């Protein structure tokens, strides 16, 4: 399941991130890629130990956790500290799959997340292209929007042909490992909320809420 998340970061928070990253050092992004992915990775990333980058990462993680669609669709257990990447002048990230385990305190990467920081009108190219059995899907979302998708997918970032693509990227270990089970829970949650908005705490709502709770109880890893 691919989720497009509207306005994870509002304008004020994006401005705060810009200020925090203004004097951050950016290094070759290949330094954080797996041994095979670094062969096709050409971008720049903020040095994670920079104080501004650390604070920015905390802010992005908190904003994701507060977003209701992210919570319902991803069921986050752990979120890796976000990385801040820039692409310009033809930089790209070729086809790759994310490492299954991230960091020195291993986090299982169930879901990958890209938060778009730049207005798409300010740069050309740079689409996030995700492969699935139906083909390829390309995404260039608005500033502050995000996309969450299975980290098991082959994906790439198309070359940036003008301007600068700026994003925050992270990975999530979900409470529910199986992507199909997460989708079922998301659909049930959406349905119960729609029923509640239409008719309040009805018998139909109670049955949907019961099924959602019991499936989450069955599938969650805590």
N, C-alpha and C. Protein backbone atom coordinates (compact mmCIF):
# COMPACT_ATOMS: atom_id res chain seq x y z
N UNK A 1 0.84 -1.19 0.00
CA UNK A 1 0.00 0.00 0.00
C UNK A 1 0.88 1.25 0.00
N UNK A 2 0.58 2.17 -0.90
CA UNK A 2 1.27 3.44 -0.97
C UNK A 2 0.33 4.51 -0.42
N UNK A 3 0.81 5.28 0.55
CA UNK A 3 0.01 6.32 1.17
C UNK A 3 0.62 7.68 0.87
N UNK A 4 -0.17 8.57 0.29
CA UNK A 4 0.24 9.96 0.12
C UNK A 4 -0.38 10.76 1.28
N UNK A 5 0.46 11.44 2.02
CA UNK A 5 0.06 12.11 3.26
C UNK A 5 0.12 13.62 3.05
N UNK A 6 -1.01 14.27 3.23
CA UNK A 6 -1.09 15.71 2.99
C UNK A 6 -0.59 16.50 4.19
N UNK A 7 0.29 17.45 3.94
CA UNK A 7 0.75 18.45 4.91
C UNK A 7 1.16 17.83 6.25
N UNK A 8 2.11 16.93 6.18
CA UNK A 8 2.77 16.45 7.40
C UNK A 8 3.51 17.61 8.07
N UNK A 9 4.09 18.48 7.25
CA UNK A 9 4.81 19.66 7.73
C UNK A 9 4.10 20.91 7.21
N UNK A 10 3.66 21.77 8.13
CA UNK A 10 3.05 23.02 7.68
C UNK A 10 4.13 24.04 7.34
N UNK A 11 3.73 25.20 6.84
CA UNK A 11 4.69 26.20 6.37
C UNK A 11 5.62 26.66 7.49
N UNK A 12 5.08 26.85 8.69
CA UNK A 12 5.90 27.32 9.81
C UNK A 12 6.97 26.29 10.17
N UNK A 13 6.59 25.01 10.17
CA UNK A 13 7.56 23.97 10.51
C UNK A 13 8.60 23.83 9.41
N UNK A 14 8.20 23.97 8.15
CA UNK A 14 9.18 23.91 7.06
C UNK A 14 10.19 25.05 7.17
N UNK A 15 9.71 26.23 7.54
CA UNK A 15 10.62 27.36 7.73
C UNK A 15 11.59 27.08 8.88
N UNK A 16 11.10 26.47 9.92
CA UNK A 16 11.97 26.11 11.06
C UNK A 16 13.04 25.11 10.62
N UNK A 17 12.66 24.14 9.81
CA UNK A 17 13.63 23.16 9.32
C UNK A 17 14.69 23.84 8.44
N UNK A 18 14.24 24.75 7.59
CA UNK A 18 15.20 25.47 6.73
C UNK A 18 16.23 26.21 7.58
N UNK A 19 15.76 26.84 8.66
CA UNK A 19 16.68 27.58 9.52
C UNK A 19 17.66 26.64 10.22
N UNK A 20 17.16 25.50 10.68
CA UNK A 20 18.03 24.54 11.37
C UNK A 20 19.09 23.96 10.45
N UNK A 21 18.74 23.78 9.17
CA UNK A 21 19.66 23.15 8.22
C UNK A 21 20.50 24.16 7.44
N UNK A 22 20.29 25.45 7.71
CA UNK A 22 20.94 26.49 6.91
C UNK A 22 22.46 26.36 6.93
N UNK A 23 23.04 26.09 8.12
CA UNK A 23 24.50 26.01 8.20
C UNK A 23 25.00 24.58 8.38
N UNK A 24 24.13 23.60 8.09
CA UNK A 24 24.55 22.20 8.21
C UNK A 24 25.50 21.83 7.07
N UNK A 25 26.46 20.98 7.37
CA UNK A 25 27.35 20.45 6.34
C UNK A 25 26.64 19.30 5.63
N UNK A 26 26.77 19.28 4.30
CA UNK A 26 26.18 18.21 3.51
C UNK A 26 27.31 17.38 2.90
N UNK A 27 27.20 16.05 3.04
CA UNK A 27 28.22 15.14 2.57
C UNK A 27 27.66 14.24 1.49
N UNK A 28 28.54 13.47 0.87
CA UNK A 28 28.14 12.52 -0.17
C UNK A 28 27.14 11.53 0.40
N UNK A 29 25.95 11.47 -0.20
CA UNK A 29 24.91 10.58 0.31
C UNK A 29 25.26 9.11 0.24
N UNK A 30 26.23 8.75 -0.60
CA UNK A 30 26.61 7.34 -0.71
C UNK A 30 27.15 6.80 0.60
N UNK A 31 27.56 7.70 1.51
CA UNK A 31 28.14 7.25 2.78
C UNK A 31 27.14 6.48 3.63
N UNK A 32 25.84 6.71 3.44
CA UNK A 32 24.84 6.03 4.25
C UNK A 32 24.10 4.94 3.48
N UNK A 33 24.53 4.64 2.27
CA UNK A 33 23.85 3.62 1.46
C UNK A 33 24.48 2.25 1.68
N UNK A 34 23.71 1.20 1.43
CA UNK A 34 24.24 -0.15 1.47
C UNK A 34 25.28 -0.36 0.37
N UNK A 35 26.01 -1.46 0.45
CA UNK A 35 27.16 -1.66 -0.43
C UNK A 35 26.77 -1.67 -1.91
N UNK A 36 25.56 -2.12 -2.22
CA UNK A 36 25.14 -2.13 -3.63
C UNK A 36 24.44 -0.84 -4.01
N UNK A 37 23.66 -0.25 -3.07
CA UNK A 37 22.93 0.97 -3.38
C UNK A 37 23.87 2.15 -3.60
N UNK A 38 25.03 2.14 -2.92
CA UNK A 38 25.93 3.29 -3.08
C UNK A 38 26.48 3.40 -4.50
N UNK A 39 26.39 2.30 -5.26
CA UNK A 39 26.86 2.35 -6.64
C UNK A 39 25.97 3.23 -7.52
N UNK A 40 24.72 3.45 -7.10
CA UNK A 40 23.78 4.21 -7.93
C UNK A 40 23.25 5.45 -7.22
N UNK A 41 23.85 5.80 -6.08
CA UNK A 41 23.36 6.93 -5.29
C UNK A 41 24.23 8.15 -5.51
N UNK A 42 23.62 9.24 -5.97
CA UNK A 42 24.34 10.49 -6.18
C UNK A 42 23.49 11.62 -5.63
N UNK A 43 23.71 11.98 -4.38
CA UNK A 43 23.04 13.12 -3.79
C UNK A 43 23.90 13.63 -2.63
N UNK A 44 23.38 14.59 -1.89
CA UNK A 44 24.08 15.11 -0.73
C UNK A 44 23.15 15.03 0.48
N UNK A 45 23.71 14.67 1.64
CA UNK A 45 22.91 14.53 2.85
C UNK A 45 23.53 15.33 3.98
N UNK A 46 22.66 15.93 4.80
CA UNK A 46 23.13 16.65 5.98
C UNK A 46 23.84 15.68 6.91
N UNK A 47 24.97 16.11 7.43
CA UNK A 47 25.72 15.27 8.38
C UNK A 47 24.82 15.04 9.60
N UNK A 48 24.48 13.79 9.92
CA UNK A 48 23.48 13.52 10.97
C UNK A 48 23.86 14.06 12.34
N UNK A 49 25.16 14.15 12.63
CA UNK A 49 25.58 14.60 13.96
C UNK A 49 25.50 16.11 14.13
N UNK A 50 25.24 16.86 13.07
CA UNK A 50 25.10 18.31 13.18
C UNK A 50 23.92 18.63 14.09
N UNK A 51 24.09 19.54 15.07
CA UNK A 51 22.99 19.82 16.02
C UNK A 51 21.69 20.22 15.33
N UNK A 52 21.78 21.05 14.29
CA UNK A 52 20.56 21.46 13.58
C UNK A 52 19.88 20.28 12.91
N UNK A 53 20.68 19.39 12.31
CA UNK A 53 20.11 18.21 11.65
C UNK A 53 19.46 17.29 12.68
N UNK A 54 20.07 17.16 13.85
CA UNK A 54 19.48 16.31 14.89
C UNK A 54 18.13 16.87 15.34
N UNK A 55 18.08 18.20 15.57
CA UNK A 55 16.82 18.79 16.00
C UNK A 55 15.76 18.69 14.91
N UNK A 56 16.18 18.91 13.66
CA UNK A 56 15.24 18.80 12.55
C UNK A 56 14.68 17.38 12.45
N UNK A 57 15.52 16.39 12.68
CA UNK A 57 15.07 14.99 12.62
C UNK A 57 14.02 14.71 13.68
N UNK A 58 14.20 15.26 14.87
CA UNK A 58 13.22 15.07 15.94
C UNK A 58 11.88 15.70 15.55
N UNK A 59 11.93 16.88 14.94
CA UNK A 59 10.70 17.57 14.55
C UNK A 59 9.95 16.80 13.47
N UNK A 60 10.67 16.26 12.49
CA UNK A 60 10.01 15.51 11.42
C UNK A 60 9.40 14.22 11.97
N UNK A 61 10.14 13.51 12.82
CA UNK A 61 9.61 12.28 13.42
C UNK A 61 8.33 12.56 14.20
N UNK A 62 8.33 13.64 14.99
CA UNK A 62 7.15 13.98 15.78
C UNK A 62 5.97 14.34 14.88
N UNK A 63 6.24 15.06 13.79
CA UNK A 63 5.16 15.43 12.88
C UNK A 63 4.54 14.21 12.23
N UNK A 64 5.37 13.24 11.87
CA UNK A 64 4.85 12.00 11.30
C UNK A 64 3.96 11.27 12.31
N UNK A 65 4.44 11.15 13.53
CA UNK A 65 3.66 10.42 14.54
C UNK A 65 2.32 11.11 14.83
N UNK A 66 2.26 12.42 14.65
CA UNK A 66 1.03 13.15 14.93
C UNK A 66 0.05 13.10 13.75
N UNK A 67 0.50 12.67 12.59
CA UNK A 67 -0.38 12.68 11.41
C UNK A 67 -1.33 11.48 11.47
N UNK A 68 -2.64 11.69 11.47
CA UNK A 68 -3.58 10.58 11.70
C UNK A 68 -3.53 9.51 10.61
N UNK A 69 -3.33 9.90 9.36
CA UNK A 69 -3.30 8.89 8.29
C UNK A 69 -2.02 8.06 8.40
N UNK A 70 -0.91 8.69 8.75
CA UNK A 70 0.33 7.96 8.96
C UNK A 70 0.16 6.94 10.08
N UNK A 71 -0.42 7.36 11.19
CA UNK A 71 -0.60 6.43 12.31
C UNK A 71 -1.48 5.25 11.91
N UNK A 72 -2.58 5.54 11.21
CA UNK A 72 -3.52 4.48 10.86
C UNK A 72 -2.96 3.53 9.81
N UNK A 73 -2.22 4.07 8.83
CA UNK A 73 -1.75 3.23 7.73
C UNK A 73 -0.43 2.54 7.98
N UNK A 74 0.43 3.14 8.80
CA UNK A 74 1.77 2.61 9.01
C UNK A 74 1.89 1.84 10.32
N UNK A 75 1.07 2.19 11.32
CA UNK A 75 1.15 1.55 12.64
C UNK A 75 2.61 1.59 13.15
N UNK A 76 3.17 2.80 13.33
CA UNK A 76 4.60 2.87 13.65
C UNK A 76 4.93 2.35 15.04
N UNK A 77 5.98 1.57 15.09
CA UNK A 77 6.56 1.17 16.38
C UNK A 77 7.84 1.96 16.63
N UNK A 78 8.73 1.98 15.63
CA UNK A 78 9.97 2.75 15.72
C UNK A 78 10.17 3.50 14.41
N UNK A 79 10.68 4.72 14.52
CA UNK A 79 11.01 5.53 13.35
C UNK A 79 12.49 5.85 13.39
N UNK A 80 13.20 5.55 12.32
CA UNK A 80 14.62 5.87 12.25
C UNK A 80 14.78 7.39 12.18
N UNK A 81 15.87 7.94 12.74
CA UNK A 81 16.09 9.38 12.62
C UNK A 81 16.12 9.79 11.15
N UNK A 82 15.27 10.72 10.75
CA UNK A 82 15.24 11.11 9.33
C UNK A 82 16.57 11.69 8.86
N UNK A 83 16.87 11.45 7.58
CA UNK A 83 18.01 12.03 6.90
C UNK A 83 17.51 13.11 5.95
N UNK A 84 18.31 14.16 5.77
CA UNK A 84 17.93 15.29 4.93
C UNK A 84 18.81 15.30 3.69
N UNK A 85 18.17 15.12 2.53
CA UNK A 85 18.90 14.95 1.28
C UNK A 85 18.58 16.07 0.31
N UNK A 86 19.59 16.39 -0.52
CA UNK A 86 19.43 17.37 -1.58
C UNK A 86 19.93 16.77 -2.89
N UNK A 87 19.20 17.07 -3.97
CA UNK A 87 19.56 16.62 -5.31
C UNK A 87 19.55 17.83 -6.24
N UNK A 88 20.59 18.00 -7.04
CA UNK A 88 20.64 19.08 -8.03
C UNK A 88 21.60 18.67 -9.14
N UNK A 89 21.54 19.41 -10.26
CA UNK A 89 22.53 19.22 -11.32
C UNK A 89 22.64 17.80 -11.84
N UNK A 90 21.49 17.14 -12.07
CA UNK A 90 21.51 15.80 -12.61
C UNK A 90 21.66 14.69 -11.58
N UNK A 91 21.76 15.04 -10.30
CA UNK A 91 21.89 14.00 -9.27
C UNK A 91 20.63 13.13 -9.23
N UNK A 92 20.83 11.87 -8.84
CA UNK A 92 19.73 10.91 -8.86
C UNK A 92 20.08 9.78 -7.90
N UNK A 93 19.14 8.85 -7.78
CA UNK A 93 19.38 7.64 -6.98
C UNK A 93 18.78 6.50 -7.80
N UNK A 94 19.64 5.68 -8.35
CA UNK A 94 19.20 4.61 -9.24
C UNK A 94 18.40 3.54 -8.52
N UNK A 95 17.91 2.59 -9.30
CA UNK A 95 17.05 1.53 -8.77
C UNK A 95 17.75 0.76 -7.66
N UNK A 96 17.04 0.58 -6.54
CA UNK A 96 17.60 -0.12 -5.39
C UNK A 96 16.46 -0.57 -4.48
N UNK A 97 16.79 -1.42 -3.54
CA UNK A 97 15.87 -1.77 -2.45
C UNK A 97 16.57 -1.39 -1.16
N UNK A 98 15.81 -0.89 -0.20
CA UNK A 98 16.40 -0.46 1.07
C UNK A 98 16.88 -1.66 1.87
N UNK A 99 17.92 -1.42 2.68
CA UNK A 99 18.40 -2.47 3.57
C UNK A 99 17.28 -2.93 4.50
N UNK A 100 17.26 -4.22 4.80
CA UNK A 100 16.21 -4.76 5.67
C UNK A 100 16.35 -4.28 7.10
N UNK A 101 17.60 -4.08 7.55
CA UNK A 101 17.86 -3.63 8.91
C UNK A 101 18.65 -2.34 8.84
N UNK A 102 18.26 -1.36 9.66
CA UNK A 102 18.88 -0.05 9.64
C UNK A 102 19.50 0.27 11.00
N UNK A 103 20.70 0.87 10.99
CA UNK A 103 21.30 1.41 12.20
C UNK A 103 22.05 0.39 13.03
N UNK A 104 22.75 0.91 14.03
CA UNK A 104 23.52 0.05 14.92
C UNK A 104 22.64 -0.66 15.94
N UNK A 105 21.51 -0.04 16.28
CA UNK A 105 20.47 -0.70 17.07
C UNK A 105 19.40 -1.10 16.08
N UNK A 106 19.50 -2.29 15.49
CA UNK A 106 18.78 -2.56 14.24
C UNK A 106 17.28 -2.30 14.30
N UNK A 107 16.82 -1.59 13.29
CA UNK A 107 15.42 -1.32 13.06
C UNK A 107 15.03 -2.04 11.77
N UNK A 108 13.99 -2.85 11.81
CA UNK A 108 13.52 -3.52 10.61
C UNK A 108 12.77 -2.52 9.75
N UNK A 109 13.20 -2.36 8.51
CA UNK A 109 12.59 -1.35 7.64
C UNK A 109 11.38 -1.94 6.92
N UNK A 110 10.21 -1.77 7.52
CA UNK A 110 8.97 -2.23 6.92
C UNK A 110 8.43 -1.21 5.92
N UNK A 111 8.52 0.07 6.28
CA UNK A 111 7.93 1.15 5.49
C UNK A 111 8.98 2.23 5.27
N UNK A 112 9.10 2.70 4.04
CA UNK A 112 9.97 3.84 3.72
C UNK A 112 9.11 5.09 3.60
N UNK A 113 9.68 6.21 4.01
CA UNK A 113 8.93 7.47 4.00
C UNK A 113 9.81 8.56 3.38
N UNK A 114 9.24 9.31 2.44
CA UNK A 114 9.87 10.51 1.90
C UNK A 114 8.97 11.70 2.20
N UNK A 115 9.53 12.71 2.85
CA UNK A 115 8.82 13.96 3.13
C UNK A 115 9.40 15.02 2.19
N UNK A 116 8.55 15.62 1.38
CA UNK A 116 9.01 16.60 0.39
C UNK A 116 9.11 17.97 1.04
N UNK A 117 10.29 18.59 0.93
CA UNK A 117 10.54 19.88 1.58
C UNK A 117 10.51 21.05 0.61
N UNK A 118 10.68 20.79 -0.69
CA UNK A 118 10.74 21.86 -1.69
C UNK A 118 9.46 21.87 -2.52
N UNK A 119 9.04 23.05 -2.90
CA UNK A 119 7.91 23.22 -3.82
C UNK A 119 8.29 22.58 -5.15
N UNK A 120 7.47 21.67 -5.68
CA UNK A 120 7.83 21.01 -6.94
C UNK A 120 7.96 21.97 -8.12
N UNK A 121 7.41 23.18 -7.98
CA UNK A 121 7.57 24.18 -9.05
C UNK A 121 8.98 24.75 -9.11
N UNK A 122 9.79 24.49 -8.07
CA UNK A 122 11.13 25.07 -8.01
C UNK A 122 12.21 24.14 -8.55
N UNK A 123 11.84 22.93 -8.97
CA UNK A 123 12.83 22.02 -9.53
C UNK A 123 12.19 21.14 -10.59
N UNK A 124 13.03 20.61 -11.48
CA UNK A 124 12.54 19.73 -12.53
C UNK A 124 13.07 18.32 -12.33
N UNK A 125 12.30 17.34 -12.76
CA UNK A 125 12.71 15.95 -12.56
C UNK A 125 12.58 15.56 -11.09
N UNK A 126 13.42 14.60 -10.67
CA UNK A 126 13.45 14.20 -9.27
C UNK A 126 12.26 13.40 -8.80
N UNK A 127 11.52 12.79 -9.70
CA UNK A 127 10.37 11.98 -9.29
C UNK A 127 10.83 10.76 -8.49
N UNK A 128 10.10 10.44 -7.45
CA UNK A 128 10.27 9.16 -6.76
C UNK A 128 9.49 8.13 -7.55
N UNK A 129 10.18 7.13 -8.08
CA UNK A 129 9.55 6.12 -8.92
C UNK A 129 9.55 4.79 -8.17
N UNK A 130 8.37 4.26 -7.91
CA UNK A 130 8.21 3.02 -7.15
C UNK A 130 7.70 1.93 -8.08
N UNK A 131 8.35 0.79 -8.05
CA UNK A 131 7.94 -0.35 -8.88
C UNK A 131 7.02 -1.26 -8.09
N UNK A 132 5.97 -1.74 -8.74
CA UNK A 132 5.11 -2.77 -8.16
C UNK A 132 4.64 -3.69 -9.28
N UNK A 133 3.91 -4.77 -8.96
CA UNK A 133 3.53 -5.71 -10.02
C UNK A 133 2.73 -5.08 -11.16
N UNK A 134 2.07 -3.94 -10.89
CA UNK A 134 1.28 -3.29 -11.93
C UNK A 134 2.11 -2.36 -12.81
N UNK A 135 3.38 -2.16 -12.46
CA UNK A 135 4.24 -1.27 -13.23
C UNK A 135 4.93 -0.27 -12.34
N UNK A 136 5.19 0.91 -12.86
CA UNK A 136 5.88 1.96 -12.12
C UNK A 136 4.93 3.11 -11.83
N UNK A 137 5.10 3.71 -10.66
CA UNK A 137 4.35 4.90 -10.29
C UNK A 137 5.35 5.98 -9.90
N UNK A 138 5.15 7.20 -10.41
CA UNK A 138 6.06 8.30 -10.15
C UNK A 138 5.36 9.36 -9.31
N UNK A 139 6.10 9.93 -8.34
CA UNK A 139 5.52 10.89 -7.40
C UNK A 139 6.42 12.11 -7.24
N UNK A 140 5.79 13.29 -7.32
CA UNK A 140 6.42 14.57 -6.99
C UNK A 140 5.36 15.34 -6.21
N UNK A 141 5.43 15.28 -4.89
CA UNK A 141 4.38 15.85 -4.06
C UNK A 141 4.72 17.28 -3.65
N UNK A 142 3.73 17.95 -3.08
CA UNK A 142 3.89 19.33 -2.65
C UNK A 142 4.78 19.45 -1.44
N UNK A 143 5.29 20.66 -1.22
CA UNK A 143 6.13 20.91 -0.04
C UNK A 143 5.32 20.64 1.23
N UNK A 144 5.88 19.81 2.10
CA UNK A 144 5.21 19.44 3.33
C UNK A 144 4.44 18.14 3.25
N UNK A 145 4.18 17.66 2.03
CA UNK A 145 3.51 16.37 1.86
C UNK A 145 4.52 15.22 1.98
N UNK A 146 4.02 14.02 2.19
CA UNK A 146 4.89 12.87 2.34
C UNK A 146 4.28 11.65 1.66
N UNK A 147 5.12 10.69 1.41
CA UNK A 147 4.67 9.41 0.86
C UNK A 147 5.28 8.30 1.70
N UNK A 148 4.44 7.33 2.06
CA UNK A 148 4.89 6.14 2.79
C UNK A 148 4.59 4.92 1.91
N UNK A 149 5.58 4.05 1.75
CA UNK A 149 5.42 2.93 0.84
C UNK A 149 6.25 1.74 1.34
N UNK A 150 5.94 0.53 0.90
CA UNK A 150 6.67 -0.64 1.41
C UNK A 150 8.16 -0.54 1.09
N UNK A 151 8.98 -0.70 2.12
CA UNK A 151 10.43 -0.66 1.92
C UNK A 151 10.93 -1.87 1.14
N UNK A 152 10.08 -2.84 0.93
CA UNK A 152 10.42 -4.01 0.13
C UNK A 152 10.44 -3.70 -1.37
N UNK A 153 9.96 -2.52 -1.76
CA UNK A 153 9.82 -2.19 -3.18
C UNK A 153 11.14 -1.75 -3.80
N UNK A 154 11.35 -2.11 -5.06
CA UNK A 154 12.39 -1.47 -5.85
C UNK A 154 11.92 -0.04 -6.16
N UNK A 155 12.82 0.91 -6.02
CA UNK A 155 12.45 2.30 -6.28
C UNK A 155 13.68 3.10 -6.69
N UNK A 156 13.45 4.30 -7.19
CA UNK A 156 14.57 5.15 -7.61
C UNK A 156 14.12 6.61 -7.57
N UNK A 157 15.09 7.50 -7.62
CA UNK A 157 14.83 8.93 -7.77
C UNK A 157 15.37 9.35 -9.13
N UNK A 158 14.49 9.87 -9.98
CA UNK A 158 14.90 10.29 -11.33
C UNK A 158 15.85 11.48 -11.25
N UNK A 159 16.70 11.67 -12.24
CA UNK A 159 17.64 12.80 -12.23
C UNK A 159 16.91 14.14 -12.09
N UNK A 160 17.51 15.02 -11.30
CA UNK A 160 16.99 16.38 -11.15
C UNK A 160 17.56 17.21 -12.29
N UNK A 161 16.69 17.77 -13.10
CA UNK A 161 17.12 18.47 -14.31
C UNK A 161 17.29 19.97 -14.11
N UNK A 162 16.67 20.53 -13.05
CA UNK A 162 16.83 21.94 -12.75
C UNK A 162 16.46 22.17 -11.29
N UNK A 163 16.97 23.24 -10.71
CA UNK A 163 16.65 23.56 -9.33
C UNK A 163 17.21 22.52 -8.37
N UNK A 164 16.60 22.43 -7.20
CA UNK A 164 17.09 21.52 -6.16
C UNK A 164 15.92 20.80 -5.49
N UNK A 165 16.00 19.50 -5.49
CA UNK A 165 15.03 18.66 -4.78
C UNK A 165 15.51 18.48 -3.35
N UNK A 166 14.69 18.83 -2.37
CA UNK A 166 15.05 18.69 -0.96
C UNK A 166 14.00 17.81 -0.28
N UNK A 167 14.47 16.79 0.42
CA UNK A 167 13.56 15.84 1.07
C UNK A 167 14.14 15.40 2.41
N UNK A 168 13.25 14.90 3.25
CA UNK A 168 13.64 14.13 4.43
C UNK A 168 13.21 12.69 4.18
N UNK A 169 14.07 11.75 4.49
CA UNK A 169 13.74 10.34 4.28
C UNK A 169 13.95 9.57 5.58
N UNK A 170 13.09 8.59 5.81
CA UNK A 170 13.23 7.76 6.99
C UNK A 170 12.58 6.41 6.75
N UNK A 171 12.72 5.53 7.74
CA UNK A 171 12.18 4.17 7.65
C UNK A 171 11.51 3.84 8.96
N UNK A 172 10.48 3.00 8.87
CA UNK A 172 9.65 2.69 10.02
C UNK A 172 9.58 1.19 10.23
N UNK A 173 9.76 0.79 11.48
CA UNK A 173 9.42 -0.57 11.88
C UNK A 173 7.99 -0.52 12.40
N UNK A 174 7.11 -1.25 11.75
CA UNK A 174 5.70 -1.20 12.09
C UNK A 174 5.36 -2.19 13.19
N UNK A 175 4.30 -1.87 13.92
CA UNK A 175 3.75 -2.84 14.86
C UNK A 175 3.21 -4.06 14.14
N UNK A 176 2.85 -3.88 12.85
CA UNK A 176 2.28 -4.96 12.04
C UNK A 176 3.23 -5.19 10.88
N UNK A 177 3.96 -6.30 10.92
CA UNK A 177 5.02 -6.54 9.93
C UNK A 177 4.46 -6.72 8.52
N UNK A 178 3.33 -7.39 8.38
CA UNK A 178 2.81 -7.77 7.07
C UNK A 178 2.07 -6.60 6.42
N UNK A 179 2.48 -6.23 5.19
CA UNK A 179 1.88 -5.08 4.51
C UNK A 179 0.40 -5.30 4.21
N UNK A 180 0.01 -6.53 3.84
CA UNK A 180 -1.40 -6.80 3.55
C UNK A 180 -2.26 -6.65 4.81
N UNK A 181 -1.73 -7.07 5.95
CA UNK A 181 -2.47 -6.91 7.20
C UNK A 181 -2.60 -5.43 7.57
N UNK A 182 -1.54 -4.65 7.32
CA UNK A 182 -1.63 -3.20 7.58
C UNK A 182 -2.71 -2.57 6.72
N UNK A 183 -2.83 -3.01 5.47
CA UNK A 183 -3.85 -2.44 4.59
C UNK A 183 -5.25 -2.78 5.07
N UNK A 184 -5.46 -4.02 5.53
CA UNK A 184 -6.76 -4.40 6.07
C UNK A 184 -7.12 -3.52 7.27
N UNK A 185 -6.16 -3.33 8.17
CA UNK A 185 -6.41 -2.50 9.35
C UNK A 185 -6.71 -1.05 8.95
N UNK A 186 -6.00 -0.55 7.95
CA UNK A 186 -6.23 0.81 7.49
C UNK A 186 -7.63 0.96 6.90
N UNK A 187 -8.04 -0.01 6.09
CA UNK A 187 -9.38 0.04 5.50
C UNK A 187 -10.46 -0.02 6.59
N UNK A 188 -10.26 -0.89 7.58
CA UNK A 188 -11.25 -0.99 8.66
C UNK A 188 -11.31 0.31 9.47
N UNK A 189 -10.15 0.88 9.73
CA UNK A 189 -10.11 2.13 10.48
C UNK A 189 -10.82 3.25 9.71
N UNK A 190 -10.57 3.30 8.39
CA UNK A 190 -11.23 4.31 7.57
C UNK A 190 -12.73 4.11 7.58
N UNK A 191 -13.17 2.87 7.45
CA UNK A 191 -14.60 2.58 7.42
C UNK A 191 -15.27 2.93 8.75
N UNK A 192 -14.63 2.59 9.88
CA UNK A 192 -15.28 2.86 11.16
C UNK A 192 -15.37 4.37 11.42
N UNK A 193 -14.36 5.12 10.96
CA UNK A 193 -14.42 6.58 11.13
C UNK A 193 -15.50 7.19 10.25
N UNK A 194 -15.67 6.68 9.05
CA UNK A 194 -16.73 7.19 8.17
C UNK A 194 -18.11 6.89 8.75
N UNK A 195 -18.27 5.69 9.30
CA UNK A 195 -19.55 5.34 9.92
C UNK A 195 -19.81 6.23 11.13
N UNK A 196 -18.79 6.47 11.93
CA UNK A 196 -18.95 7.31 13.13
C UNK A 196 -19.35 8.73 12.75
N UNK A 197 -18.71 9.27 11.69
CA UNK A 197 -19.05 10.62 11.25
C UNK A 197 -20.49 10.70 10.74
N UNK A 198 -20.96 9.61 10.14
CA UNK A 198 -22.31 9.61 9.55
C UNK A 198 -23.40 9.34 10.57
N UNK A 199 -23.15 8.42 11.51
CA UNK A 199 -24.25 7.99 12.39
C UNK A 199 -23.87 7.86 13.85
N UNK A 200 -22.64 8.30 14.20
CA UNK A 200 -22.24 8.24 15.60
C UNK A 200 -21.89 6.82 16.03
N UNK A 201 -21.94 6.59 17.34
CA UNK A 201 -21.54 5.29 17.89
C UNK A 201 -22.70 4.30 17.75
N UNK A 202 -22.85 3.81 16.54
CA UNK A 202 -23.94 2.90 16.22
C UNK A 202 -23.50 1.46 16.39
N UNK A 203 -24.43 0.54 16.19
CA UNK A 203 -24.11 -0.89 16.24
C UNK A 203 -23.11 -1.26 15.15
N UNK A 204 -23.26 -0.66 13.97
CA UNK A 204 -22.31 -0.92 12.88
C UNK A 204 -20.92 -0.44 13.25
N UNK A 205 -20.84 0.76 13.82
CA UNK A 205 -19.53 1.26 14.26
C UNK A 205 -18.92 0.32 15.28
N UNK A 206 -19.70 -0.14 16.25
CA UNK A 206 -19.16 -1.02 17.29
C UNK A 206 -18.58 -2.31 16.71
N UNK A 207 -19.26 -2.89 15.71
CA UNK A 207 -18.75 -4.11 15.09
C UNK A 207 -17.44 -3.85 14.34
N UNK A 208 -17.38 -2.73 13.62
CA UNK A 208 -16.14 -2.39 12.92
C UNK A 208 -15.01 -2.12 13.91
N UNK A 209 -15.32 -1.40 14.98
CA UNK A 209 -14.31 -1.12 16.00
C UNK A 209 -13.82 -2.40 16.66
N UNK A 210 -14.75 -3.32 16.91
CA UNK A 210 -14.37 -4.61 17.50
C UNK A 210 -13.45 -5.38 16.58
N UNK A 211 -13.78 -5.45 15.30
CA UNK A 211 -12.95 -6.20 14.34
C UNK A 211 -11.57 -5.56 14.21
N UNK A 212 -11.52 -4.22 14.14
CA UNK A 212 -10.23 -3.54 14.04
C UNK A 212 -9.38 -3.84 15.27
N UNK A 213 -9.96 -3.71 16.45
CA UNK A 213 -9.19 -3.93 17.68
C UNK A 213 -8.71 -5.36 17.79
N UNK A 214 -9.56 -6.32 17.43
CA UNK A 214 -9.18 -7.72 17.58
C UNK A 214 -8.15 -8.16 16.56
N UNK A 215 -8.22 -7.62 15.34
CA UNK A 215 -7.19 -7.94 14.36
C UNK A 215 -5.85 -7.30 14.75
N UNK A 216 -5.90 -6.06 15.23
CA UNK A 216 -4.65 -5.44 15.69
C UNK A 216 -4.08 -6.22 16.86
N UNK A 217 -4.92 -6.68 17.75
CA UNK A 217 -4.47 -7.49 18.89
C UNK A 217 -3.82 -8.79 18.41
N UNK A 218 -4.36 -9.38 17.34
CA UNK A 218 -3.83 -10.64 16.80
C UNK A 218 -2.50 -10.42 16.09
N UNK A 219 -2.37 -9.32 15.35
CA UNK A 219 -1.24 -9.14 14.44
C UNK A 219 -0.10 -8.29 14.99
N UNK A 220 -0.37 -7.49 15.99
CA UNK A 220 0.65 -6.55 16.46
C UNK A 220 1.81 -7.26 17.15
N UNK A 221 3.02 -6.76 16.91
CA UNK A 221 4.23 -7.23 17.57
C UNK A 221 4.70 -6.13 18.51
N UNK A 222 4.62 -6.39 19.81
CA UNK A 222 5.01 -5.37 20.79
C UNK A 222 6.07 -5.93 21.73
